[in-house]
């Protein structure tokens, strides 16, 4: 009796962007002016735009929009946030950390 051995093909697929571990980015202290977008280059055609809106004497609302290759991507909000205190936000596969400082 003849035995047949079949070997299935093995293919490796590159991990997709959603499977990749989050990229951690620390911007340090980011100088912000009320209601004025601040563009921060993250490299590789990726920019985050941070806007701070005053909520009162000690608080701000932060809106962060990720732009990749000129197109808007994920958005994150932090409210209330405290100036001069570290913030951590997740934007898609980017874990962003920065300390907002109001001018």
PDB file of N, CA and C in Angstrom:
ATOM      1  N   UNK A   1       0.834  -1.163   0.000  1.00  0.00           N
ATOM      2  CA  UNK A   1       0.000   0.000   0.000  1.00  0.00           C
ATOM      3  C   UNK A   1       0.881   1.229   0.000  1.00  0.00           C
ATOM      4  N   UNK A   2       0.611   2.118  -0.870  1.00  0.00           N
ATOM      5  CA  UNK A   2       1.421   3.319  -0.993  1.00  0.00           C
ATOM      6  C   UNK A   2       0.879   4.392  -0.063  1.00  0.00           C
ATOM      7  N   UNK A   3       1.775   5.051   0.609  1.00  0.00           N
ATOM      8  CA  UNK A   3       1.373   6.139   1.515  1.00  0.00           C
ATOM      9  C   UNK A   3       1.694   7.462   0.842  1.00  0.00           C
ATOM     10  N   UNK A   4       0.767   8.337   0.908  1.00  0.00           N
ATOM     11  CA  UNK A   4       0.966   9.665   0.327  1.00  0.00           C
ATOM     12  C   UNK A   4       1.125  10.663   1.460  1.00  0.00           C
ATOM     13  N   UNK A   5       2.105  11.507   1.319  1.00  0.00           N
ATOM     14  CA  UNK A   5       2.338  12.534   2.312  1.00  0.00           C
ATOM     15  C   UNK A   5       2.069  13.881   1.650  1.00  0.00           C
ATOM     16  N   UNK A   6       1.177  14.620   2.237  1.00  0.00           N
ATOM     17  CA  UNK A   6       0.869  15.939   1.715  1.00  0.00           C
ATOM     18  C   UNK A   6       1.405  16.973   2.694  1.00  0.00           C
ATOM     19  N   UNK A   7       2.169  17.865   2.190  1.00  0.00           N
ATOM     20  CA  UNK A   7       2.682  18.950   3.021  1.00  0.00           C
ATOM     21  C   UNK A   7       1.952  20.223   2.640  1.00  0.00           C
ATOM     22  N   UNK A   8       1.286  20.789   3.609  1.00  0.00           N
ATOM     23  CA  UNK A   8       0.593  22.049   3.360  1.00  0.00           C
ATOM     24  C   UNK A   8       1.594  23.181   3.297  1.00  0.00           C
ATOM     25  N   UNK A   9       1.305  24.118   2.470  1.00  0.00           N
ATOM     26  CA  UNK A   9       2.170  25.283   2.370  1.00  0.00           C
ATOM     27  C   UNK A   9       2.116  26.107   3.654  1.00  0.00           C
ATOM     28  N   UNK A  10       3.212  26.662   4.001  1.00  0.00           N
ATOM     29  CA  UNK A  10       3.286  27.505   5.189  1.00  0.00           C
ATOM     30  C   UNK A  10       3.561  28.928   4.721  1.00  0.00           C
ATOM     31  N   UNK A  11       2.690  29.809   5.089  1.00  0.00           N
ATOM     32  CA  UNK A  11       2.928  31.188   4.677  1.00  0.00           C
ATOM     33  C   UNK A  11       2.962  32.072   5.906  1.00  0.00           C
ATOM     34  N   UNK A  12       3.870  32.996   5.891  1.00  0.00           N
ATOM     35  CA  UNK A  12       3.960  33.966   6.982  1.00  0.00           C
ATOM     36  C   UNK A  12       3.381  35.270   6.487  1.00  0.00           C
ATOM     37  N   UNK A  13       2.526  35.837   7.288  1.00  0.00           N
ATOM     38  CA  UNK A  13       1.962  37.128   6.936  1.00  0.00           C
ATOM     39  C   UNK A  13       2.571  38.174   7.852  1.00  0.00           C
ATOM     40  N   UNK A  14       2.892  39.288   7.274  1.00  0.00           N
ATOM     41  CA  UNK A  14       3.406  40.386   8.096  1.00  0.00           C
ATOM     42  C   UNK A  14       2.285  40.857   9.007  1.00  0.00           C
ATOM     43  N   UNK A  15       2.626  41.191  10.263  1.00  0.00           N
ATOM     44  CA  UNK A  15       1.574  41.676  11.155  1.00  0.00           C
ATOM     45  C   UNK A  15       0.974  42.965  10.627  1.00  0.00           C
ATOM     46  N   UNK A  16      -0.329  43.082  10.777  1.00  0.00           N
ATOM     47  CA  UNK A  16      -0.982  44.308  10.330  1.00  0.00           C
ATOM     48  C   UNK A  16      -0.723  45.406  11.348  1.00  0.00           C
ATOM     49  N   UNK A  17      -1.022  46.635  10.965  1.00  0.00           N
ATOM     50  CA  UNK A  17      -0.806  47.776  11.853  1.00  0.00           C
ATOM     51  C   UNK A  17      -1.585  47.617  13.148  1.00  0.00           C
ATOM     52  N   UNK A  18      -2.765  46.972  13.071  1.00  0.00           N
ATOM     53  CA  UNK A  18      -3.568  46.810  14.278  1.00  0.00           C
ATOM     54  C   UNK A  18      -2.979  45.756  15.202  1.00  0.00           C
ATOM     55  N   UNK A  19      -2.134  44.833  14.666  1.00  0.00           N
ATOM     56  CA  UNK A  19      -1.499  43.809  15.483  1.00  0.00           C
ATOM     57  C   UNK A  19      -0.194  44.290  16.108  1.00  0.00           C
ATOM     58  N   UNK A  20       0.339  45.370  15.592  1.00  0.00           N
ATOM     59  CA  UNK A  20       1.626  45.871  16.074  1.00  0.00           C
ATOM     60  C   UNK A  20       1.469  46.414  17.490  1.00  0.00           C
ATOM     61  N   UNK A  21       2.516  46.252  18.311  1.00  0.00           N
ATOM     62  CA  UNK A  21       2.430  46.814  19.658  1.00  0.00           C
ATOM     63  C   UNK A  21       2.349  48.336  19.581  1.00  0.00           C
ATOM     64  N   UNK A  22       1.708  48.961  20.570  1.00  0.00           N
ATOM     65  CA  UNK A  22       1.579  50.423  20.529  1.00  0.00           C
ATOM     66  C   UNK A  22       2.950  51.098  20.532  1.00  0.00           C
ATOM     67  N   UNK A  23       3.045  52.154  19.757  1.00  0.00           N
ATOM     68  CA  UNK A  23       4.254  52.963  19.727  1.00  0.00           C
ATOM     69  C   UNK A  23       4.116  53.990  20.843  1.00  0.00           C
ATOM     70  N   UNK A  24       5.087  54.045  21.724  1.00  0.00           N
ATOM     71  CA  UNK A  24       5.041  54.981  22.842  1.00  0.00           C
ATOM     72  C   UNK A  24       5.836  56.234  22.480  1.00  0.00           C
ATOM     73  N   UNK A  25       5.184  57.398  22.616  1.00  0.00           N
ATOM     74  CA  UNK A  25       5.820  58.665  22.284  1.00  0.00           C
ATOM     75  C   UNK A  25       5.678  59.608  23.470  1.00  0.00           C
ATOM     76  N   UNK A  26       6.808  60.131  23.947  1.00  0.00           N
ATOM     77  CA  UNK A  26       6.802  61.113  25.034  1.00  0.00           C
ATOM     78  C   UNK A  26       7.262  62.445  24.450  1.00  0.00           C
ATOM     79  N   UNK A  27       6.337  63.405  24.411  1.00  0.00           N
ATOM     80  CA  UNK A  27       6.650  64.721  23.850  1.00  0.00           C
ATOM     81  C   UNK A  27       7.273  65.661  24.874  1.00  0.00           C
ATOM     82  N   UNK A  28       7.312  65.259  26.138  1.00  0.00           N
ATOM     83  CA  UNK A  28       7.840  66.139  27.179  1.00  0.00           C
ATOM     84  C   UNK A  28       6.865  67.281  27.433  1.00  0.00           C
ATOM     85  N   UNK A  29       7.387  68.458  27.744  1.00  0.00           N
ATOM     86  CA  UNK A  29       6.547  69.623  28.002  1.00  0.00           C
ATOM     87  C   UNK A  29       6.155  70.244  26.663  1.00  0.00           C
ATOM     88  N   UNK A  30       4.849  70.439  26.467  1.00  0.00           N
ATOM     89  CA  UNK A  30       4.339  71.053  25.243  1.00  0.00           C
ATOM     90  C   UNK A  30       3.739  72.403  25.612  1.00  0.00           C
ATOM     91  N   UNK A  31       4.309  73.471  25.044  1.00  0.00           N
ATOM     92  CA  UNK A  31       3.820  74.838  25.278  1.00  0.00           C
ATOM     93  C   UNK A  31       2.545  75.046  24.470  1.00  0.00           C
ATOM     94  N   UNK A  32       1.456  75.412  25.144  1.00  0.00           N
ATOM     95  CA  UNK A  32       0.174  75.612  24.477  1.00  0.00           C
ATOM     96  C   UNK A  32      -0.362  77.008  24.739  1.00  0.00           C
ATOM     97  N   UNK A  33      -1.027  77.556  23.747  1.00  0.00           N
ATOM     98  CA  UNK A  33      -1.748  78.822  23.861  1.00  0.00           C
ATOM     99  C   UNK A  33      -3.221  78.487  23.732  1.00  0.00           C
ATOM    100  N   UNK A  34      -4.065  79.074  24.572  1.00  0.00           N
ATOM    101  CA  UNK A  34      -5.488  78.769  24.577  1.00  0.00           C
ATOM    102  C   UNK A  34      -6.099  78.878  23.186  1.00  0.00           C
ATOM    103  N   UNK A  35      -6.863  77.849  22.825  1.00  0.00           N
ATOM    104  CA  UNK A  35      -7.622  77.800  21.565  1.00  0.00           C
ATOM    105  C   UNK A  35      -6.767  77.852  20.307  1.00  0.00           C
ATOM    106  N   UNK A  36      -5.478  77.566  20.418  1.00  0.00           N
ATOM    107  CA  UNK A  36      -4.576  77.593  19.274  1.00  0.00           C
ATOM    108  C   UNK A  36      -3.957  76.212  19.079  1.00  0.00           C
ATOM    109  N   UNK A  37      -4.217  75.557  17.947  1.00  0.00           N
ATOM    110  CA  UNK A  37      -3.636  74.227  17.714  1.00  0.00           C
ATOM    111  C   UNK A  37      -2.107  74.258  17.709  1.00  0.00           C
ATOM    112  N   UNK A  38      -1.513  73.249  18.316  1.00  0.00           N
ATOM    113  CA  UNK A  38      -0.058  73.089  18.343  1.00  0.00           C
ATOM    114  C   UNK A  38       0.280  71.775  17.644  1.00  0.00           C
ATOM    115  N   UNK A  39       1.039  71.843  16.552  1.00  0.00           N
ATOM    116  CA  UNK A  39       1.406  70.658  15.773  1.00  0.00           C
ATOM    117  C   UNK A  39       2.712  70.074  16.292  1.00  0.00           C
ATOM    118  N   UNK A  40       2.676  68.761  16.572  1.00  0.00           N
ATOM    119  CA  UNK A  40       3.852  68.058  17.067  1.00  0.00           C
ATOM    120  C   UNK A  40       4.172  66.922  16.104  1.00  0.00           C
ATOM    121  N   UNK A  41       5.377  66.955  15.519  1.00  0.00           N
ATOM    122  CA  UNK A  41       5.791  65.935  14.552  1.00  0.00           C
ATOM    123  C   UNK A  41       6.210  64.673  15.288  1.00  0.00           C
ATOM    124  N   UNK A  42       5.587  63.541  14.939  1.00  0.00           N
ATOM    125  CA  UNK A  42       5.920  62.260  15.557  1.00  0.00           C
ATOM    126  C   UNK A  42       6.816  61.419  14.657  1.00  0.00           C
ATOM    127  N   UNK A  43       7.125  61.920  13.461  1.00  0.00           N
ATOM    128  CA  UNK A  43       7.977  61.190  12.530  1.00  0.00           C
ATOM    129  C   UNK A  43       7.161  60.264  11.634  1.00  0.00           C
ATOM    130  N   UNK A  44       7.745  59.877  10.523  1.00  0.00           N
ATOM    131  CA  UNK A  44       7.108  58.943   9.605  1.00  0.00           C
ATOM    132  C   UNK A  44       5.814  59.452   8.998  1.00  0.00           C
ATOM    133  N   UNK A  45       5.698  60.761   8.820  1.00  0.00           N
ATOM    134  CA  UNK A  45       4.492  61.326   8.229  1.00  0.00           C
ATOM    135  C   UNK A  45       3.331  61.449   9.202  1.00  0.00           C
ATOM    136  N   UNK A  46       3.601  61.282  10.502  1.00  0.00           N
ATOM    137  CA  UNK A  46       2.553  61.360  11.524  1.00  0.00           C
ATOM    138  C   UNK A  46       2.743  62.614  12.367  1.00  0.00           C
ATOM    139  N   UNK A  47       1.649  63.348  12.552  1.00  0.00           N
ATOM    140  CA  UNK A  47       1.651  64.581  13.343  1.00  0.00           C
ATOM    141  C   UNK A  47       0.487  64.497  14.314  1.00  0.00           C
ATOM    142  N   UNK A  48       0.679  65.005  15.533  1.00  0.00           N
ATOM    143  CA  UNK A  48      -0.475  65.152  16.413  1.00  0.00           C
ATOM    144  C   UNK A  48      -0.709  66.639  16.620  1.00  0.00           C
ATOM    145  N   UNK A  49      -1.985  67.014  16.619  1.00  0.00           N
ATOM    146  CA  UNK A  49      -2.382  68.403  16.788  1.00  0.00           C
ATOM    147  C   UNK A  49      -3.081  68.504  18.139  1.00  0.00           C
ATOM    148  N   UNK A  50      -2.502  69.295  19.045  1.00  0.00           N
ATOM    149  CA  UNK A  50      -3.026  69.440  20.403  1.00  0.00           C
ATOM    150  C   UNK A  50      -3.633  70.827  20.545  1.00  0.00           C
ATOM    151  N   UNK A  51      -4.882  70.875  21.025  1.00  0.00           N
ATOM    152  CA  UNK A  51      -5.560  72.144  21.273  1.00  0.00           C
ATOM    153  C   UNK A  51      -6.056  72.151  22.707  1.00  0.00           C
ATOM    154  N   UNK A  52      -5.769  73.244  23.419  1.00  0.00           N
ATOM    155  CA  UNK A  52      -6.215  73.404  24.804  1.00  0.00           C
ATOM    156  C   UNK A  52      -7.266  74.503  24.877  1.00  0.00           C
ATOM    157  N   UNK A  53      -8.382  74.201  25.554  1.00  0.00           N
ATOM    158  CA  UNK A  53      -9.456  75.172  25.757  1.00  0.00           C
ATOM    159  C   UNK A  53      -9.594  75.369  27.270  1.00  0.00           C
ATOM    160  N   UNK A  54      -9.478  76.609  27.750  1.00  0.00           N
ATOM    161  CA  UNK A  54      -9.610  76.862  29.185  1.00  0.00           C
ATOM    162  C   UNK A  54     -11.005  76.486  29.698  1.00  0.00           C
ATOM    163  N   UNK A  55     -11.040  75.837  30.869  1.00  0.00           N
ATOM    164  CA  UNK A  55     -12.304  75.476  31.509  1.00  0.00           C
ATOM    165  C   UNK A  55     -12.536  76.279  32.777  1.00  0.00           C
ATOM    166  N   UNK A  56     -11.592  77.085  33.149  1.00  0.00           N
ATOM    167  CA  UNK A  56     -11.679  77.859  34.384  1.00  0.00           C
ATOM    168  C   UNK A  56     -10.273  78.167  34.845  1.00  0.00           C
ATOM    169  N   UNK A  57     -10.135  78.636  36.066  1.00  0.00           N
ATOM    170  CA  UNK A  57      -8.814  79.060  36.525  1.00  0.00           C
ATOM    171  C   UNK A  57      -7.780  77.936  36.611  1.00  0.00           C
ATOM    172  N   UNK A  58      -8.209  76.686  36.801  1.00  0.00           N
ATOM    173  CA  UNK A  58      -7.215  75.631  37.011  1.00  0.00           C
ATOM    174  C   UNK A  58      -7.376  74.439  36.079  1.00  0.00           C
ATOM    175  N   UNK A  59      -8.263  74.526  35.100  1.00  0.00           N
ATOM    176  CA  UNK A  59      -8.485  73.371  34.249  1.00  0.00           C
ATOM    177  C   UNK A  59      -8.522  73.717  32.777  1.00  0.00           C
ATOM    178  N   UNK A  60      -8.217  72.721  31.954  1.00  0.00           N
ATOM    179  CA  UNK A  60      -8.278  72.863  30.503  1.00  0.00           C
ATOM    180  C   UNK A  60      -8.892  71.602  29.908  1.00  0.00           C
ATOM    181  N   UNK A  61      -9.437  71.764  28.714  1.00  0.00           N
ATOM    182  CA  UNK A  61      -9.860  70.609  27.933  1.00  0.00           C
ATOM    183  C   UNK A  61      -8.837  70.437  26.818  1.00  0.00           C
ATOM    184  N   UNK A  62      -8.318  69.230  26.693  1.00  0.00           N
ATOM    185  CA  UNK A  62      -7.346  68.932  25.649  1.00  0.00           C
ATOM    186  C   UNK A  62      -8.008  68.101  24.563  1.00  0.00           C
ATOM    187  N   UNK A  63      -7.793  68.501  23.326  1.00  0.00           N
ATOM    188  CA  UNK A  63      -8.221  67.707  22.176  1.00  0.00           C
ATOM    189  C   UNK A  63      -6.973  67.402  21.373  1.00  0.00           C
ATOM    190  N   UNK A  64      -6.773  66.123  21.090  1.00  0.00           N
ATOM    191  CA  UNK A  64      -5.593  65.691  20.341  1.00  0.00           C
ATOM    192  C   UNK A  64      -6.073  64.920  19.113  1.00  0.00           C
ATOM    193  N   UNK A  65      -5.636  65.364  17.942  1.00  0.00           N
ATOM    194  CA  UNK A  65      -5.995  64.709  16.686  1.00  0.00           C
ATOM    195  C   UNK A  65      -4.720  64.198  16.043  1.00  0.00           C
ATOM    196  N   UNK A  66      -4.739  62.931  15.666  1.00  0.00           N
ATOM    197  CA  UNK A  66      -3.602  62.336  14.992  1.00  0.00           C
ATOM    198  C   UNK A  66      -3.794  62.490  13.491  1.00  0.00           C
ATOM    199  N   UNK A  67      -2.786  63.012  12.810  1.00  0.00           N
ATOM    200  CA  UNK A  67      -2.814  63.132  11.351  1.00  0.00           C
ATOM    201  C   UNK A  67      -1.741  62.213  10.788  1.00  0.00           C
ATOM    202  N   UNK A  68      -2.157  61.365   9.847  1.00  0.00           N
ATOM    203  CA  UNK A  68      -1.203  60.474   9.198  1.00  0.00           C
ATOM    204  C   UNK A  68      -1.251  60.724   7.712  1.00  0.00           C
ATOM    205  N   UNK A  69      -0.105  61.126   7.169  1.00  0.00           N
ATOM    206  CA  UNK A  69       0.005  61.435   5.739  1.00  0.00           C
ATOM    207  C   UNK A  69      -1.047  62.450   5.299  1.00  0.00           C
ATOM    208  N   UNK A  70      -1.261  63.478   6.133  1.00  0.00           N
ATOM    209  CA  UNK A  70      -2.162  64.568   5.782  1.00  0.00           C
ATOM    210  C   UNK A  70      -3.634  64.308   6.026  1.00  0.00           C
ATOM    211  N   UNK A  71      -3.993  63.140   6.564  1.00  0.00           N
ATOM    212  CA  UNK A  71      -5.396  62.812   6.799  1.00  0.00           C
ATOM    213  C   UNK A  71      -5.646  62.671   8.298  1.00  0.00           C
ATOM    214  N   UNK A  72      -6.794  63.204   8.750  1.00  0.00           N
ATOM    215  CA  UNK A  72      -7.148  63.084  10.162  1.00  0.00           C
ATOM    216  C   UNK A  72      -7.400  61.631  10.519  1.00  0.00           C
ATOM    217  N   UNK A  73      -6.886  61.262  11.681  1.00  0.00           N
ATOM    218  CA  UNK A  73      -7.071  59.910  12.183  1.00  0.00           C
ATOM    219  C   UNK A  73      -7.762  59.954  13.533  1.00  0.00           C
ATOM    220  N   UNK A  74      -7.331  59.102  14.463  1.00  0.00           N
ATOM    221  CA  UNK A  74      -7.972  59.039  15.779  1.00  0.00           C
ATOM    222  C   UNK A  74      -7.896  60.367  16.530  1.00  0.00           C
ATOM    223  N   UNK A  75      -8.908  60.600  17.362  1.00  0.00           N
ATOM    224  CA  UNK A  75      -8.992  61.795  18.203  1.00  0.00           C
ATOM    225  C   UNK A  75      -9.163  61.365  19.646  1.00  0.00           C
ATOM    226  N   UNK A  76      -8.532  62.103  20.570  1.00  0.00           N
ATOM    227  CA  UNK A  76      -8.687  61.839  22.002  1.00  0.00           C
ATOM    228  C   UNK A  76      -8.970  63.152  22.717  1.00  0.00           C
ATOM    229  N   UNK A  77      -9.740  63.067  23.799  1.00  0.00           N
ATOM    230  CA  UNK A  77     -10.070  64.241  24.615  1.00  0.00           C
ATOM    231  C   UNK A  77      -9.699  63.956  26.066  1.00  0.00           C
ATOM    232  N   UNK A  78      -9.267  64.976  26.758  1.00  0.00           N
ATOM    233  CA  UNK A  78      -9.024  64.896  28.197  1.00  0.00           C
ATOM    234  C   UNK A  78      -9.635  66.139  28.823  1.00  0.00           C
ATOM    235  N   UNK A  79     -10.643  65.941  29.674  1.00  0.00           N
ATOM    236  CA  UNK A  79     -11.278  67.083  30.335  1.00  0.00           C
ATOM    237  C   UNK A  79     -11.888  66.614  31.652  1.00  0.00           C
ATOM    238  N   UNK A  80     -11.680  67.274  32.725  1.00  0.00           N
ATOM    239  CA  UNK A  80     -10.729  68.382  32.822  1.00  0.00           C
ATOM    240  C   UNK A  80      -9.308  67.846  32.939  1.00  0.00           C
ATOM    241  N   UNK A  81      -8.380  68.564  32.398  1.00  0.00           N
ATOM    242  CA  UNK A  81      -6.960  68.264  32.532  1.00  0.00           C
ATOM    243  C   UNK A  81      -6.328  69.418  33.292  1.00  0.00           C
ATOM    244  N   UNK A  82      -5.244  69.124  33.966  1.00  0.00           N
ATOM    245  CA  UNK A  82      -4.559  70.143  34.756  1.00  0.00           C
ATOM    246  C   UNK A  82      -3.255  70.532  34.068  1.00  0.00           C
ATOM    247  N   UNK A  83      -3.063  71.828  33.800  1.00  0.00           N
ATOM    248  CA  UNK A  83      -1.788  72.251  33.209  1.00  0.00           C
ATOM    249  C   UNK A  83      -0.618  71.829  34.096  1.00  0.00           C
ATOM    250  N   UNK A  84       0.495  71.558  33.450  1.00  0.00           N
ATOM    251  CA  UNK A  84       1.744  71.177  34.115  1.00  0.00           C
ATOM    252  C   UNK A  84       1.672  69.825  34.816  1.00  0.00           C
ATOM    253  N   UNK A  85       0.683  69.005  34.456  1.00  0.00           N
ATOM    254  CA  UNK A  85       0.578  67.635  34.950  1.00  0.00           C
ATOM    255  C   UNK A  85       0.612  66.689  33.757  1.00  0.00           C
ATOM    256  N   UNK A  86       1.397  65.595  33.844  1.00  0.00           N
ATOM    257  CA  UNK A  86       1.518  64.676  32.705  1.00  0.00           C
ATOM    258  C   UNK A  86       0.162  64.113  32.266  1.00  0.00           C
ATOM    259  N   UNK A  87       0.007  63.983  30.964  1.00  0.00           N
ATOM    260  CA  UNK A  87      -1.189  63.409  30.353  1.00  0.00           C
ATOM    261  C   UNK A  87      -0.778  62.193  29.538  1.00  0.00           C
ATOM    262  N   UNK A  88      -1.602  61.155  29.580  1.00  0.00           N
ATOM    263  CA  UNK A  88      -1.369  59.956  28.775  1.00  0.00           C
ATOM    264  C   UNK A  88      -2.646  59.688  27.989  1.00  0.00           C
ATOM    265  N   UNK A  89      -2.513  59.625  26.676  1.00  0.00           N
ATOM    266  CA  UNK A  89      -3.656  59.397  25.798  1.00  0.00           C
ATOM    267  C   UNK A  89      -3.303  58.329  24.772  1.00  0.00           C
ATOM    268  N   UNK A  90      -4.287  57.530  24.397  1.00  0.00           N
ATOM    269  CA  UNK A  90      -4.102  56.522  23.358  1.00  0.00           C
ATOM    270  C   UNK A  90      -4.785  57.006  22.087  1.00  0.00           C
ATOM    271  N   UNK A  91      -4.024  56.985  21.009  1.00  0.00           N
ATOM    272  CA  UNK A  91      -4.533  57.391  19.697  1.00  0.00           C
ATOM    273  C   UNK A  91      -4.217  56.274  18.713  1.00  0.00           C
ATOM    274  N   UNK A  92      -5.176  55.409  18.475  1.00  0.00           N
ATOM    275  CA  UNK A  92      -4.909  54.272  17.596  1.00  0.00           C
ATOM    276  C   UNK A  92      -3.815  53.413  18.197  1.00  0.00           C
ATOM    277  N   UNK A  93      -2.743  53.197  17.455  1.00  0.00           N
ATOM    278  CA  UNK A  93      -1.639  52.378  17.965  1.00  0.00           C
ATOM    279  C   UNK A  93      -0.517  53.230  18.554  1.00  0.00           C
ATOM    280  N   UNK A  94      -0.825  54.455  18.942  1.00  0.00           N
ATOM    281  CA  UNK A  94       0.180  55.341  19.547  1.00  0.00           C
ATOM    282  C   UNK A  94      -0.233  55.687  20.970  1.00  0.00           C
ATOM    283  N   UNK A  95       0.668  55.411  21.900  1.00  0.00           N
ATOM    284  CA  UNK A  95       0.463  55.812  23.301  1.00  0.00           C
ATOM    285  C   UNK A  95       1.244  57.108  23.479  1.00  0.00           C
ATOM    286  N   UNK A  96       0.531  58.197  23.665  1.00  0.00           N
ATOM    287  CA  UNK A  96       1.124  59.531  23.697  1.00  0.00           C
ATOM    288  C   UNK A  96       1.180  60.046  25.134  1.00  0.00           C
ATOM    289  N   UNK A  97       2.328  60.587  25.492  1.00  0.00           N
ATOM    290  CA  UNK A  97       2.480  61.210  26.803  1.00  0.00           C
ATOM    291  C   UNK A  97       3.076  62.591  26.604  1.00  0.00           C
ATOM    292  N   UNK A  98       2.534  63.572  27.351  1.00  0.00           N
ATOM    293  CA  UNK A  98       3.074  64.928  27.305  1.00  0.00           C
ATOM    294  C   UNK A  98       2.585  65.677  28.518  1.00  0.00           C
ATOM    295  N   UNK A  99       3.253  66.798  28.809  1.00  0.00           N
ATOM    296  CA  UNK A  99       2.854  67.671  29.910  1.00  0.00           C
ATOM    297  C   UNK A  99       2.448  69.005  29.296  1.00  0.00           C
ATOM    298  N   UNK A 100       1.143  69.340  29.343  1.00  0.00           N
ATOM    299  CA  UNK A 100       0.708  70.611  28.759  1.00  0.00           C
ATOM    300  C   UNK A 100       1.083  71.792  29.659  1.00  0.00           C
ATOM    301  N   UNK A 101       1.690  72.793  29.056  1.00  0.00           N
ATOM    302  CA  UNK A 101       2.035  74.029  29.787  1.00  0.00           C
ATOM    303  C   UNK A 101       1.392  75.189  29.052  1.00  0.00           C
ATOM    304  N   UNK A 102       0.548  75.926  29.751  1.00  0.00           N
ATOM    305  CA  UNK A 102      -0.132  77.069  29.137  1.00  0.00           C
ATOM    306  C   UNK A 102       0.775  78.297  29.173  1.00  0.00           C
ATOM    307  N   UNK A 103       0.871  78.982  28.029  1.00  0.00           N
ATOM    308  CA  UNK A 103       1.656  80.213  27.936  1.00  0.00           C
ATOM    309  C   UNK A 103       0.910  81.354  28.572  1.00  0.00           C
TER     310      UNK A 103
END
